[in-house]
Amino acid sequence: MLAPDATADPIADLVGRFEGAVVASARTRRELAREIEGDLREDAAARVAAGATEREAAMAVVAGFGDVRALASEMSVELLAARGTRFASLTALGSVVLLVAWFSGMTTLVGLGFRVPADDGWMLQVSRALDVAGPLVVAVGLAGWIAIRRSGSLAAIATVAALQLGFAGALVAGAIAMAGVATAPAAGAGLLDALIALTVLLGSALVAASAGVLVRWGAIRLEPRRARS
């Protein structure tokens, strides 16, 4: 059996394990690690000033830190809950912007003589489905925002993200398809192009944000299994 390395730094080792176990962005993990290491070093310095050796002080503060994986898991949930609160409110707002833009834009285009070709009637069916889904997604986003703020519910975060991902993905796909087949009257060509561009840009941002939240949620859910393996 190998003897412990007397030259190793227990505090650095603990901070490294904590940083590696937290589910967050690299920048957030680094900031947390620096903050925790600073606190531990300060505690150890106080113990040394009271008469302990540096090694004894380091071992004592590490022992008092607690279970690294359990604390990292708690921190991961707190960070995701904070992100979920911002995500739910901002993506609900983004969905409202897209819905208003499509409603007002298409109403204007229809008034200018825009019509969907008969061969592309599927676009009308998709549009009607999104007309129903859009308000539902906004409502779920607002309800999720309340649930996340009150309880930090990971289920609420995942539900909002999944619905936003599907809704935004459908909007982006529909906008790209429309760009390939729809022809607006000359007076409305610029409006249609702007509507499609707004949808692709904002919708893609919603897709990326939703996917990021779901990936982090999945990582937190899988962490206990990785810890046992």
C-alpha atoms as a PDB file:
ATOM      1  CA  MET A   1       0.000   0.000   0.000  1.00  0.00           C
ATOM      2  CA  LEU A   2       1.383   3.369  -1.015  1.00  0.00           C
ATOM      3  CA  ALA A   3       2.092   5.903   1.723  1.00  0.00           C
ATOM      4  CA  PRO A   4       0.530   9.351   1.373  1.00  0.00           C
ATOM      5  CA  ASP A   5       2.724  11.935  -0.336  1.00  0.00           C
ATOM      6  CA  ALA A   6       3.986  14.188   2.438  1.00  0.00           C
ATOM      7  CA  THR A   7       4.845  16.886  -0.091  1.00  0.00           C
ATOM      8  CA  ALA A   8       1.340  17.078  -1.546  1.00  0.00           C
ATOM      9  CA  ASP A   9      -0.812  20.105  -0.776  1.00  0.00           C
ATOM     10  CA  PRO A  10      -4.092  18.868   0.787  1.00  0.00           C
ATOM     11  CA  ILE A  11      -5.834  22.174   0.139  1.00  0.00           C
ATOM     12  CA  ALA A  12      -4.854  22.289  -3.533  1.00  0.00           C
ATOM     13  CA  ASP A  13      -5.943  18.666  -3.917  1.00  0.00           C
ATOM     14  CA  LEU A  14      -9.348  19.345  -2.337  1.00  0.00           C
ATOM     15  CA  VAL A  15      -9.924  22.476  -4.407  1.00  0.00           C
ATOM     16  CA  GLY A  16      -9.007  20.612  -7.578  1.00  0.00           C
ATOM     17  CA  ARG A  17     -11.443  17.805  -6.820  1.00  0.00           C
ATOM     18  CA  PHE A  18     -14.203  20.282  -5.987  1.00  0.00           C
ATOM     19  CA  GLU A  19     -13.609  22.270  -9.158  1.00  0.00           C
ATOM     20  CA  GLY A  20     -13.710  19.111 -11.250  1.00  0.00           C
ATOM     21  CA  ALA A  21     -16.959  17.909  -9.649  1.00  0.00           C
ATOM     22  CA  VAL A  22     -18.992  21.114 -10.022  1.00  0.00           C
ATOM     23  CA  VAL A  23     -21.228  21.225 -13.098  1.00  0.00           C
ATOM     24  CA  ALA A  24     -20.798  24.754 -14.432  1.00  0.00           C
ATOM     25  CA  SER A  25     -18.903  26.742 -17.017  1.00  0.00           C
ATOM     26  CA  ALA A  26     -15.114  26.652 -16.845  1.00  0.00           C
ATOM     27  CA  ARG A  27     -15.035  30.302 -15.813  1.00  0.00           C
ATOM     28  CA  THR A  28     -17.526  29.783 -12.987  1.00  0.00           C
ATOM     29  CA  ARG A  29     -15.649  26.737 -11.730  1.00  0.00           C
ATOM     30  CA  ARG A  30     -12.374  28.645 -11.691  1.00  0.00           C
ATOM     31  CA  GLU A  31     -13.950  31.538  -9.783  1.00  0.00           C
ATOM     32  CA  LEU A  32     -15.456  29.165  -7.231  1.00  0.00           C
ATOM     33  CA  ALA A  33     -12.143  27.349  -6.836  1.00  0.00           C
ATOM     34  CA  ARG A  34     -10.277  30.593  -6.208  1.00  0.00           C
ATOM     35  CA  GLU A  35     -12.848  31.729  -3.654  1.00  0.00           C
ATOM     36  CA  ILE A  36     -12.848  28.424  -1.786  1.00  0.00           C
ATOM     37  CA  GLU A  37      -9.059  28.144  -1.826  1.00  0.00           C
ATOM     38  CA  GLY A  38      -8.750  31.673  -0.472  1.00  0.00           C
ATOM     39  CA  ASP A  39     -11.073  30.859   2.426  1.00  0.00           C
ATOM     40  CA  LEU A  40      -9.250  27.614   3.200  1.00  0.00           C
ATOM     41  CA  ARG A  41      -5.829  29.256   3.044  1.00  0.00           C
ATOM     42  CA  GLU A  42      -7.013  31.982   5.399  1.00  0.00           C
ATOM     43  CA  ASP A  43      -8.360  29.399   7.850  1.00  0.00           C
ATOM     44  CA  ALA A  44      -5.113  27.422   7.663  1.00  0.00           C
ATOM     45  CA  ALA A  45      -3.034  30.562   8.259  1.00  0.00           C
ATOM     46  CA  ALA A  46      -5.056  31.296  11.388  1.00  0.00           C
ATOM     47  CA  ARG A  47      -4.368  27.772  12.660  1.00  0.00           C
ATOM     48  CA  VAL A  48      -0.651  28.154  11.979  1.00  0.00           C
ATOM     49  CA  ALA A  49      -0.668  31.439  13.886  1.00  0.00           C
ATOM     50  CA  ALA A  50      -2.254  29.564  16.786  1.00  0.00           C
ATOM     51  CA  GLY A  51       0.644  27.094  16.879  1.00  0.00           C
ATOM     52  CA  ALA A  52      -0.185  24.311  14.404  1.00  0.00           C
ATOM     53  CA  THR A  53       2.253  23.242  11.723  1.00  0.00           C
ATOM     54  CA  GLU A  54       1.382  24.087   8.129  1.00  0.00           C
ATOM     55  CA  ARG A  55       0.685  20.418   7.393  1.00  0.00           C
ATOM     56  CA  GLU A  56      -1.536  20.017  10.457  1.00  0.00           C
ATOM     57  CA  ALA A  57      -3.395  23.221   9.625  1.00  0.00           C
ATOM     58  CA  ALA A  58      -3.979  22.164   6.024  1.00  0.00           C
ATOM     59  CA  MET A  59      -5.213  18.721   7.030  1.00  0.00           C
ATOM     60  CA  ALA A  60      -7.543  20.220   9.633  1.00  0.00           C
ATOM     61  CA  VAL A  61      -9.266  22.645   7.249  1.00  0.00           C
ATOM     62  CA  VAL A  62      -9.603  19.909   4.620  1.00  0.00           C
ATOM     63  CA  ALA A  63     -11.169  17.568   7.185  1.00  0.00           C
ATOM     64  CA  GLY A  64     -13.620  20.282   8.185  1.00  0.00           C
ATOM     65  CA  PHE A  65     -14.653  21.019   4.602  1.00  0.00           C
ATOM     66  CA  GLY A  66     -17.008  18.079   4.300  1.00  0.00           C
ATOM     67  CA  ASP A  67     -17.792  15.666   1.471  1.00  0.00           C
ATOM     68  CA  VAL A  68     -16.450  17.202  -1.731  1.00  0.00           C
ATOM     69  CA  ARG A  69     -18.863  15.509  -4.135  1.00  0.00           C
ATOM     70  CA  ALA A  70     -21.913  16.227  -1.999  1.00  0.00           C
ATOM     71  CA  LEU A  71     -21.013  19.894  -1.673  1.00  0.00           C
ATOM     72  CA  ALA A  72     -20.171  20.131  -5.379  1.00  0.00           C
ATOM     73  CA  SER A  73     -23.553  18.589  -6.227  1.00  0.00           C
ATOM     74  CA  GLU A  74     -25.361  21.132  -4.043  1.00  0.00           C
ATOM     75  CA  MET A  75     -23.443  23.965  -5.674  1.00  0.00           C
ATOM     76  CA  SER A  76     -24.210  22.615  -9.156  1.00  0.00           C
ATOM     77  CA  VAL A  77     -27.936  22.604  -8.400  1.00  0.00           C
ATOM     78  CA  GLU A  78     -27.797  26.133  -6.990  1.00  0.00           C
ATOM     79  CA  LEU A  79     -25.948  27.414 -10.050  1.00  0.00           C
ATOM     80  CA  LEU A  80     -28.355  25.745 -12.456  1.00  0.00           C
ATOM     81  CA  ALA A  81     -31.345  27.091 -10.512  1.00  0.00           C
ATOM     82  CA  ALA A  82     -29.928  30.611 -10.781  1.00  0.00           C
ATOM     83  CA  ARG A  83     -29.309  30.119 -14.480  1.00  0.00           C
ATOM     84  CA  GLY A  84     -32.757  28.575 -14.915  1.00  0.00           C
ATOM     85  CA  THR A  85     -34.455  31.624 -13.399  1.00  0.00           C
ATOM     86  CA  ARG A  86     -32.739  33.923 -15.893  1.00  0.00           C
ATOM     87  CA  PHE A  87     -33.260  31.451 -18.721  1.00  0.00           C
ATOM     88  CA  ALA A  88     -37.005  31.032 -18.164  1.00  0.00           C
ATOM     89  CA  SER A  89     -37.701  34.764 -18.063  1.00  0.00           C
ATOM     90  CA  LEU A  90     -35.444  35.690 -20.994  1.00  0.00           C
ATOM     91  CA  THR A  91     -36.612  32.879 -23.265  1.00  0.00           C
ATOM     92  CA  ALA A  92     -40.256  33.661 -22.488  1.00  0.00           C
ATOM     93  CA  LEU A  93     -39.524  37.236 -23.546  1.00  0.00           C
ATOM     94  CA  GLY A  94     -37.747  35.985 -26.670  1.00  0.00           C
ATOM     95  CA  SER A  95     -40.739  33.832 -27.573  1.00  0.00           C
ATOM     96  CA  VAL A  96     -43.073  36.800 -27.121  1.00  0.00           C
ATOM     97  CA  VAL A  97     -40.872  38.887 -29.440  1.00  0.00           C
ATOM     98  CA  LEU A  98     -40.972  36.175 -32.100  1.00  0.00           C
ATOM     99  CA  LEU A  99     -44.722  35.691 -31.787  1.00  0.00           C
ATOM    100  CA  VAL A 100     -45.426  39.418 -32.046  1.00  0.00           C
ATOM    101  CA  ALA A 101     -43.013  39.770 -34.965  1.00  0.00           C
ATOM    102  CA  TRP A 102     -44.632  36.909 -36.874  1.00  0.00           C
ATOM    103  CA  PHE A 103     -48.181  38.026 -36.164  1.00  0.00           C
ATOM    104  CA  SER A 104     -47.618  41.644 -37.112  1.00  0.00           C
ATOM    105  CA  GLY A 105     -45.261  40.834 -39.992  1.00  0.00           C
ATOM    106  CA  MET A 106     -47.487  38.219 -41.606  1.00  0.00           C
ATOM    107  CA  THR A 107     -50.584  40.369 -41.111  1.00  0.00           C
ATOM    108  CA  THR A 108     -48.822  43.160 -42.981  1.00  0.00           C
ATOM    109  CA  LEU A 109     -47.585  40.838 -45.716  1.00  0.00           C
ATOM    110  CA  VAL A 110     -51.028  39.324 -46.262  1.00  0.00           C
ATOM    111  CA  GLY A 111     -52.401  42.849 -46.581  1.00  0.00           C
ATOM    112  CA  LEU A 112     -49.795  43.487 -49.293  1.00  0.00           C
ATOM    113  CA  GLY A 113     -50.958  40.401 -51.219  1.00  0.00           C
ATOM    114  CA  PHE A 114     -48.663  37.675 -49.853  1.00  0.00           C
ATOM    115  CA  ARG A 115     -50.102  34.186 -50.318  1.00  0.00           C
ATOM    116  CA  VAL A 116     -48.727  30.727 -49.612  1.00  0.00           C
ATOM    117  CA  PRO A 117     -48.595  28.635 -52.810  1.00  0.00           C
ATOM    118  CA  ALA A 118     -51.070  25.747 -52.883  1.00  0.00           C
ATOM    119  CA  ASP A 119     -48.218  23.262 -53.227  1.00  0.00           C
ATOM    120  CA  ASP A 120     -46.793  24.502 -49.928  1.00  0.00           C
ATOM    121  CA  GLY A 121     -49.942  24.180 -47.851  1.00  0.00           C
ATOM    122  CA  TRP A 122     -47.909  22.423 -45.146  1.00  0.00           C
ATOM    123  CA  MET A 123     -46.571  25.837 -44.191  1.00  0.00           C
ATOM    124  CA  LEU A 124     -50.057  26.913 -43.139  1.00  0.00           C
ATOM    125  CA  GLN A 125     -50.444  23.810 -40.994  1.00  0.00           C
ATOM    126  CA  VAL A 126     -47.106  24.444 -39.303  1.00  0.00           C
ATOM    127  CA  SER A 127     -48.035  28.098 -38.787  1.00  0.00           C
ATOM    128  CA  ARG A 128     -51.329  27.173 -37.128  1.00  0.00           C
ATOM    129  CA  ALA A 129     -49.555  24.672 -34.862  1.00  0.00           C
ATOM    130  CA  LEU A 130     -47.011  27.287 -33.836  1.00  0.00           C
ATOM    131  CA  ASP A 131     -49.807  29.787 -33.191  1.00  0.00           C
ATOM    132  CA  VAL A 132     -51.092  27.368 -30.554  1.00  0.00           C
ATOM    133  CA  ALA A 133     -47.703  26.250 -29.262  1.00  0.00           C
ATOM    134  CA  GLY A 134     -46.258  29.750 -28.934  1.00  0.00           C
ATOM    135  CA  PRO A 135     -48.546  31.048 -26.174  1.00  0.00           C
ATOM    136  CA  LEU A 136     -48.247  27.680 -24.409  1.00  0.00           C
ATOM    137  CA  VAL A 137     -44.454  27.925 -24.392  1.00  0.00           C
ATOM    138  CA  VAL A 138     -44.608  31.475 -23.060  1.00  0.00           C
ATOM    139  CA  ALA A 139     -47.039  30.426 -20.318  1.00  0.00           C
ATOM    140  CA  VAL A 140     -44.870  27.456 -19.346  1.00  0.00           C
ATOM    141  CA  GLY A 141     -41.812  29.702 -19.308  1.00  0.00           C
ATOM    142  CA  LEU A 142     -43.476  32.117 -16.891  1.00  0.00           C
ATOM    143  CA  ALA A 143     -44.817  29.282 -14.716  1.00  0.00           C
ATOM    144  CA  GLY A 144     -41.378  27.686 -14.726  1.00  0.00           C
ATOM    145  CA  TRP A 145     -39.789  30.983 -13.706  1.00  0.00           C
ATOM    146  CA  ILE A 146     -42.074  31.087 -10.664  1.00  0.00           C
ATOM    147  CA  ALA A 147     -41.396  27.437  -9.782  1.00  0.00           C
ATOM    148  CA  ILE A 148     -37.644  27.854 -10.164  1.00  0.00           C
ATOM    149  CA  ARG A 149     -37.564  30.982  -8.009  1.00  0.00           C
ATOM    150  CA  ARG A 150     -39.617  29.357  -5.270  1.00  0.00           C
ATOM    151  CA  SER A 151     -38.031  25.923  -5.118  1.00  0.00           C
ATOM    152  CA  GLY A 152     -35.106  25.743  -7.530  1.00  0.00           C
ATOM    153  CA  SER A 153     -36.937  22.867  -9.241  1.00  0.00           C
ATOM    154  CA  LEU A 154     -34.697  21.071 -11.738  1.00  0.00           C
ATOM    155  CA  ALA A 155     -37.786  19.449 -13.268  1.00  0.00           C
ATOM    156  CA  ALA A 156     -39.214  22.892 -14.044  1.00  0.00           C
ATOM    157  CA  ILE A 157     -35.907  23.977 -15.585  1.00  0.00           C
ATOM    158  CA  ALA A 158     -35.740  20.895 -17.809  1.00  0.00           C
ATOM    159  CA  THR A 159     -39.398  21.227 -18.874  1.00  0.00           C
ATOM    160  CA  VAL A 160     -39.036  24.875 -19.865  1.00  0.00           C
ATOM    161  CA  ALA A 161     -35.793  24.181 -21.727  1.00  0.00           C
ATOM    162  CA  ALA A 162     -37.239  21.204 -23.628  1.00  0.00           C
ATOM    163  CA  LEU A 163     -40.321  23.137 -24.742  1.00  0.00           C
ATOM    164  CA  GLN A 164     -38.253  26.169 -25.730  1.00  0.00           C
ATOM    165  CA  LEU A 165     -35.868  23.947 -27.671  1.00  0.00           C
ATOM    166  CA  GLY A 166     -38.704  22.353 -29.654  1.00  0.00           C
ATOM    167  CA  PHE A 167     -40.541  25.631 -30.279  1.00  0.00           C
ATOM    168  CA  ALA A 168     -37.481  27.632 -31.307  1.00  0.00           C
ATOM    169  CA  GLY A 169     -36.172  24.778 -33.444  1.00  0.00           C
ATOM    170  CA  ALA A 170     -39.491  24.555 -35.311  1.00  0.00           C
ATOM    171  CA  LEU A 171     -39.527  28.312 -35.865  1.00  0.00           C
ATOM    172  CA  VAL A 172     -35.998  28.343 -37.248  1.00  0.00           C
ATOM    173  CA  ALA A 173     -36.675  25.366 -39.523  1.00  0.00           C
ATOM    174  CA  GLY A 174     -39.913  26.968 -40.741  1.00  0.00           C
ATOM    175  CA  ALA A 175     -38.218  30.295 -41.408  1.00  0.00           C
ATOM    176  CA  ILE A 176     -35.438  28.641 -43.406  1.00  0.00           C
ATOM    177  CA  ALA A 177     -38.002  26.639 -45.394  1.00  0.00           C
ATOM    178  CA  MET A 178     -40.017  29.778 -46.071  1.00  0.00           C
ATOM    179  CA  ALA A 179     -36.923  31.583 -47.301  1.00  0.00           C
ATOM    180  CA  GLY A 180     -36.502  28.869 -49.923  1.00  0.00           C
ATOM    181  CA  VAL A 181     -40.057  28.738 -51.304  1.00  0.00           C
ATOM    182  CA  ALA A 182     -42.008  31.883 -50.376  1.00  0.00           C
ATOM    183  CA  THR A 183     -42.052  34.954 -52.583  1.00  0.00           C
ATOM    184  CA  ALA A 184     -43.374  38.172 -51.115  1.00  0.00           C
ATOM    185  CA  PRO A 185     -44.786  41.087 -53.108  1.00  0.00           C
ATOM    186  CA  ALA A 186     -42.134  43.653 -54.030  1.00  0.00           C
ATOM    187  CA  ALA A 187     -43.400  46.047 -51.357  1.00  0.00           C
ATOM    188  CA  GLY A 188     -43.036  43.376 -48.663  1.00  0.00           C
ATOM    189  CA  ALA A 189     -39.829  41.633 -49.749  1.00  0.00           C
ATOM    190  CA  GLY A 190     -37.702  43.530 -47.244  1.00  0.00           C
ATOM    191  CA  LEU A 191     -40.163  42.837 -44.438  1.00  0.00           C
ATOM    192  CA  LEU A 192     -40.174  39.116 -45.180  1.00  0.00           C
ATOM    193  CA  ASP A 193     -36.380  39.005 -45.286  1.00  0.00           C
ATOM    194  CA  ALA A 194     -36.173  40.878 -41.959  1.00  0.00           C
ATOM    195  CA  LEU A 195     -38.751  38.554 -40.389  1.00  0.00           C
ATOM    196  CA  ILE A 196     -36.848  35.464 -41.517  1.00  0.00           C
ATOM    197  CA  ALA A 197     -33.507  36.894 -40.363  1.00  0.00           C
ATOM    198  CA  LEU A 198     -34.910  37.820 -36.926  1.00  0.00           C
ATOM    199  CA  THR A 199     -36.396  34.359 -36.537  1.00  0.00           C
ATOM    200  CA  VAL A 200     -33.204  32.542 -37.510  1.00  0.00           C
ATOM    201  CA  LEU A 201     -30.979  34.692 -35.280  1.00  0.00           C
ATOM    202  CA  LEU A 202     -33.188  34.876 -32.192  1.00  0.00           C
ATOM    203  CA  GLY A 203     -34.496  31.341 -32.637  1.00  0.00           C
ATOM    204  CA  SER A 204     -30.970  29.950 -32.943  1.00  0.00           C
ATOM    205  CA  ALA A 205     -29.998  31.789 -29.743  1.00  0.00           C
ATOM    206  CA  LEU A 206     -32.993  30.214 -27.975  1.00  0.00           C
ATOM    207  CA  VAL A 207     -32.024  26.771 -29.293  1.00  0.00           C
ATOM    208  CA  ALA A 208     -28.438  27.189 -28.065  1.00  0.00           C
ATOM    209  CA  ALA A 209     -29.537  28.453 -24.643  1.00  0.00           C
ATOM    210  CA  SER A 210     -32.083  25.655 -24.232  1.00  0.00           C
ATOM    211  CA  ALA A 211     -29.609  22.986 -25.291  1.00  0.00           C
ATOM    212  CA  GLY A 212     -27.016  24.364 -22.870  1.00  0.00           C
ATOM    213  CA  VAL A 213     -29.445  24.193 -19.951  1.00  0.00           C
ATOM    214  CA  LEU A 214     -30.501  20.643 -20.849  1.00  0.00           C
ATOM    215  CA  VAL A 215     -26.883  19.482 -21.152  1.00  0.00           C
ATOM    216  CA  ARG A 216     -26.073  20.901 -17.721  1.00  0.00           C
ATOM    217  CA  TRP A 217     -29.245  19.383 -16.240  1.00  0.00           C
ATOM    218  CA  GLY A 218     -28.298  16.014 -17.703  1.00  0.00           C
ATOM    219  CA  ALA A 219     -24.771  16.275 -16.298  1.00  0.00           C
ATOM    220  CA  ILE A 220     -26.150  16.942 -12.814  1.00  0.00           C
ATOM    221  CA  ARG A 221     -28.527  14.011 -13.108  1.00  0.00           C
ATOM    222  CA  LEU A 222     -25.707  11.698 -14.202  1.00  0.00           C
ATOM    223  CA  GLU A 223     -23.189  12.853 -11.587  1.00  0.00           C
ATOM    224  CA  PRO A 224     -24.296  10.327  -8.888  1.00  0.00           C
ATOM    225  CA  ARG A 225     -23.778   7.492 -11.366  1.00  0.00           C
ATOM    226  CA  ARG A 226     -20.321   8.735 -12.283  1.00  0.00           C
ATOM    227  CA  ALA A 227     -19.453   9.004  -8.587  1.00  0.00           C
ATOM    228  CA  ARG A 228     -20.383   5.340  -8.041  1.00  0.00           C
ATOM    229  CA  SER A 229     -18.470   4.093 -11.056  1.00  0.00           C
END
